[in-house]
Amino acid sequence: MKIIRPEDLHTDDFLIERNKVRVKKELKKYRLTYENASRFTDHIGRTIDANNRLYLQVLDGMGIIHIDGKLATATTNGVIARLPADAPVPLSLIESGQYVGETFGSVWVNAGTREVYISGVPVGRRIVVDLVGFFA
């Protein structure tokens, strides 16, 4: 029988704290790209602040897509943003339905895809949404 020693553990994946082995979990952040600046922008009408307004954070397979912005033009089931090619994708549909004033709208990402869709959200009204799901 072999006993695992500290030098057997790869430092990218494991830590040793107080003589205990811990699995290293790294939070990864991915900047999403706006699909079309004339369709959806950040809440003050720009697309340059995606690091803070349009991103995915993933830790150990659990992720949050944060969206903060507004529609610039009316959109029915339109793509507003995309996950980058190196980002993981949701394992199942992730969606948030919400009322903006008197109007019901929805923001979602389909399983295994990179496109962020929006429907029913009124033009010019700010939305702040966190889509939570499992990513791989």
Protein backbone atom coordinates (compact mmCIF):
# COMPACT_ATOMS: atom_id res chain seq x y z
CA MET A 1 0.00 0.00 0.00
CA LYS A 2 1.28 3.45 -0.94
CA ILE A 3 0.85 6.44 1.33
CA ILE A 4 0.32 9.75 -0.41
CA ARG A 5 2.92 12.34 0.50
CA PRO A 6 2.75 16.09 -0.05
CA GLU A 7 5.13 15.92 -3.01
CA ASP A 8 2.73 13.46 -4.72
CA LEU A 9 0.03 16.13 -4.95
CA HIS A 10 -0.01 18.56 -7.84
CA THR A 11 0.03 22.12 -6.53
CA ASP A 12 -2.47 23.26 -9.19
CA ASP A 13 -5.13 21.04 -7.62
CA PHE A 14 -4.25 20.62 -3.94
CA LEU A 15 -3.21 22.67 -0.91
CA ILE A 16 -1.76 21.58 2.40
CA GLU A 17 -3.03 23.65 5.31
CA ARG A 18 -2.30 22.75 8.92
CA ASN A 19 -1.09 19.31 7.82
CA LYS A 20 -4.38 18.62 6.02
CA VAL A 21 -4.89 18.14 2.28
CA ARG A 22 -7.49 20.40 0.70
CA VAL A 23 -8.73 20.43 -2.86
CA LYS A 24 -7.95 23.78 -4.43
CA LYS A 25 -11.03 25.39 -5.95
CA GLU A 26 -10.44 28.36 -8.16
CA LEU A 27 -13.13 30.88 -9.08
CA LYS A 28 -13.00 31.56 -12.81
CA LYS A 29 -14.52 34.62 -14.43
CA TYR A 30 -15.39 34.92 -18.12
CA ARG A 31 -16.44 38.11 -19.85
CA LEU A 32 -19.44 37.67 -22.12
CA THR A 33 -19.65 39.65 -25.35
CA TYR A 34 -22.58 41.84 -26.33
CA GLU A 35 -24.24 40.45 -29.43
CA ASN A 36 -25.22 43.82 -30.85
CA ALA A 37 -24.75 47.22 -29.19
CA SER A 38 -27.83 48.57 -30.96
CA ARG A 39 -29.94 45.83 -29.30
CA PHE A 40 -28.65 45.53 -25.70
CA THR A 41 -26.22 47.71 -23.74
CA ASP A 42 -25.23 48.31 -20.15
CA HIS A 43 -27.63 50.43 -18.12
CA ILE A 44 -26.09 53.72 -19.22
CA GLY A 45 -26.04 52.88 -22.92
CA ARG A 46 -22.52 51.54 -23.47
CA THR A 47 -20.99 48.13 -24.10
CA ILE A 48 -17.53 48.76 -22.67
CA ASP A 49 -18.21 47.68 -19.08
CA ALA A 50 -18.82 43.96 -19.64
CA ASN A 51 -16.31 43.01 -16.95
CA ASN A 52 -18.74 44.34 -14.34
CA ARG A 53 -22.10 44.05 -16.09
CA LEU A 54 -22.02 40.94 -18.28
CA TYR A 55 -20.00 37.95 -17.08
CA LEU A 56 -19.97 34.31 -15.97
CA GLN A 57 -18.34 33.16 -12.73
CA VAL A 58 -17.80 29.42 -12.14
CA LEU A 59 -16.57 27.56 -9.08
CA ASP A 60 -16.45 23.77 -9.06
CA GLY A 61 -19.13 23.45 -11.77
CA MET A 62 -21.60 25.89 -10.21
CA GLY A 63 -21.94 29.13 -12.11
CA ILE A 64 -23.68 32.49 -12.23
CA ILE A 65 -24.22 34.56 -15.35
CA HIS A 66 -24.62 38.18 -14.26
CA ILE A 67 -26.51 40.50 -16.62
CA ASP A 68 -27.01 44.21 -15.95
CA GLY A 69 -28.30 46.27 -18.84
CA LYS A 70 -31.20 47.39 -20.97
CA LEU A 71 -32.67 46.75 -24.38
CA ALA A 72 -32.01 49.56 -26.83
CA THR A 73 -34.49 48.23 -29.40
CA ALA A 74 -37.53 45.97 -29.17
CA THR A 75 -36.52 42.31 -29.31
CA THR A 76 -38.60 39.14 -29.48
CA ASN A 77 -36.61 36.05 -28.50
CA GLY A 78 -33.34 37.70 -29.43
CA VAL A 79 -29.74 36.92 -28.56
CA ILE A 80 -28.21 39.70 -26.43
CA ALA A 81 -24.86 38.16 -25.50
CA ARG A 82 -22.57 35.15 -25.93
CA LEU A 83 -20.33 33.12 -23.68
CA PRO A 84 -16.71 33.03 -24.88
CA ALA A 85 -15.40 29.92 -26.63
CA ASP A 86 -13.24 28.91 -23.64
CA ALA A 87 -16.09 29.17 -21.10
CA PRO A 88 -18.08 26.17 -19.87
CA VAL A 89 -21.74 25.94 -20.92
CA PRO A 90 -24.84 25.24 -18.80
CA LEU A 91 -25.77 21.58 -18.42
CA SER A 92 -29.49 22.40 -18.45
CA LEU A 93 -31.70 25.37 -19.27
CA ILE A 94 -31.11 28.31 -16.93
CA GLU A 95 -33.74 31.02 -16.96
CA SER A 96 -35.12 33.95 -15.02
CA GLY A 97 -38.61 35.31 -15.52
CA GLN A 98 -39.35 38.75 -14.15
CA TYR A 99 -41.80 41.59 -14.22
CA VAL A 100 -40.42 44.91 -15.40
CA GLY A 101 -43.21 47.33 -14.56
CA GLU A 102 -46.39 45.67 -15.87
CA THR A 103 -44.54 43.58 -18.45
CA PHE A 104 -43.34 40.02 -17.95
CA GLY A 105 -40.02 39.15 -19.55
CA SER A 106 -37.51 36.33 -19.55
CA VAL A 107 -33.75 35.89 -19.87
CA TRP A 108 -32.28 32.43 -20.51
CA VAL A 109 -29.47 30.24 -21.83
CA ASN A 110 -30.32 26.85 -23.32
CA ALA A 111 -28.46 23.71 -22.26
CA GLY A 112 -25.11 23.24 -23.97
CA THR A 113 -25.21 26.61 -25.77
CA ARG A 114 -23.39 29.93 -25.52
CA GLU A 115 -26.18 32.35 -26.49
CA VAL A 116 -28.01 34.47 -23.89
CA TYR A 117 -31.61 35.14 -25.00
CA ILE A 118 -34.14 37.75 -23.93
CA SER A 119 -37.86 38.08 -24.55
CA GLY A 120 -40.63 40.36 -23.35
CA VAL A 121 -38.47 42.94 -21.59
CA PRO A 122 -39.48 46.53 -22.40
CA VAL A 123 -37.07 48.85 -24.21
CA GLY A 124 -35.04 51.25 -22.07
CA ARG A 125 -35.78 49.58 -18.72
CA ARG A 126 -32.81 48.34 -16.73
CA ILE A 127 -32.68 44.68 -15.74
CA VAL A 128 -30.29 43.04 -13.31
CA VAL A 129 -30.39 39.24 -13.49
CA ASP A 130 -28.27 36.40 -12.13
CA LEU A 131 -28.79 33.09 -13.96
CA VAL A 132 -27.63 30.25 -11.72
CA GLY A 133 -26.81 26.74 -12.93
CA PHE A 134 -24.34 23.91 -13.32
CA PHE A 135 -21.67 24.34 -15.99
CA ALA A 136 -19.24 22.01 -17.75
